[in-house]
Amino acid sequence: MKIIHCADLHLDSKMETNFSQEQAKQRRYEILNTFEKMIEYAVKNCIEVILIAGDMFDTPQNQQKTIKNRVIDAIRKANKIDFLYLQGNHDNDNFFKNMQDKPNNLKLFKNEWSSYRYGNIAITGIEFQQGKYIDIYSKLSLNENDFNIVTLHGQISKYGSDKNVEIINLTKLENKYIDYLALGHIHTFEKEKLDYRGIYCYPGVLEGRGFDEFGNKGFVVLDINNGNLSTEFISIAKRTFHEIIIDVTNHIETKAINKAIEEKLKNIFEDDIVKLILKGEILEDTEIDIDYINEKLKNKFYFSKLTNETEIKIDYSKYEKDISFKGEFIRKVKNLDVSDKEKGKIIKIGINAIVGKEV
């Protein structure tokens, strides 16, 4: 039996933090297209179940009927596949539960343990009730002779606490006969050992929505054969977010910096989304034309963002006898009671002001 495990689709995300309104609208439809593309993959590859571990939508009161209608249509058309849906912390408007004409192949979990069976494969889940603690662990009872998939939406304790989401205690799920713990909430793919028998997995998101979600995105395919499990991560995103860090130490002009940037970016597709961070120590007279670099990036990728985090390294001995305004300014800054990093920032702003550049 083959099963897809996905989570955190956030199909109605606004995504206007980085993108223009038009780009944000386009990205929303691209994410929806990717969801439909995943279903096409499922149909072609004989997937029997698509397990969605929470946060299909992003906002509790989703008013975007077009998106919801497309989701329902896509589920209804793939009528040979069961869609098992567990609500997450963003999914509290009970949209599916209150539907009058819910697709027959859309099956929901409750706020108590419930299971769906496929032969000796049991898929069991529970939805957390926000603000209401239930001892879910002691109430979980599984048959050791089954192949047990358990699904939850929350944050395992190693990620720290978050008042808006349930913390999942992995220790209390050990020795419960779990073969695969299908999780949602963390937006990065992660697969680790749970105990002597099972593993836990976060599939991550189908599409990155911001620069905190860079790298390959997609879903996980489970192939269960005679009680044996194999898993495969399938990358499906239309666009990938990249965070590229370039150390420009020892580069003294924009031309050299630009060459270093081009080398780093040469294997990134033009449809992708790039955040470029310049780091390192530079001399106070190093030429970095941020506007020029930004313009080149803009024309190269779907969306780009440039952050200059370089620090200025000052050779104060050069200015000991310099009688210019610049020399006087640097000597004044040298004597300030602040860190070298802060001095570098002050000097950078001051020199730009002296030579008439935008501060």
Foldseek 3Di string as FASTA:
>chain_A
DKEWFAEQLQLPDQLPPFDPNVVSVVVSVLSLVLVLVVLVVCVVVVHAEYEYQENNHAAQDDPPVVSVVSVQVSCQVSLNHAYEYEYFLRHNNCPQVPDPCHRPRYHYAEQAWDWDDDPLEIEIEHHHDQPDDDPRLVRDADDLSGAYEYGHEFDEPVVPDDSSGDYDDLVSVPPRNHAEYRYEDAQDWDWAASYPHHIYIHQHYLEDSDLVRFDFHHIKMWDADPNDIDIDRDGRRPEGEEEAEDECPPPQEQVVVLVSVCVRCVPHAQAYEYEYEYEYEDALNRYHDPVVSLVVNVVRHPYYHYHYHYFYDYPLVVLPPPPDPLSVVLVVLVPDPDDSRVSRVVSNVVVCVVVVHDD
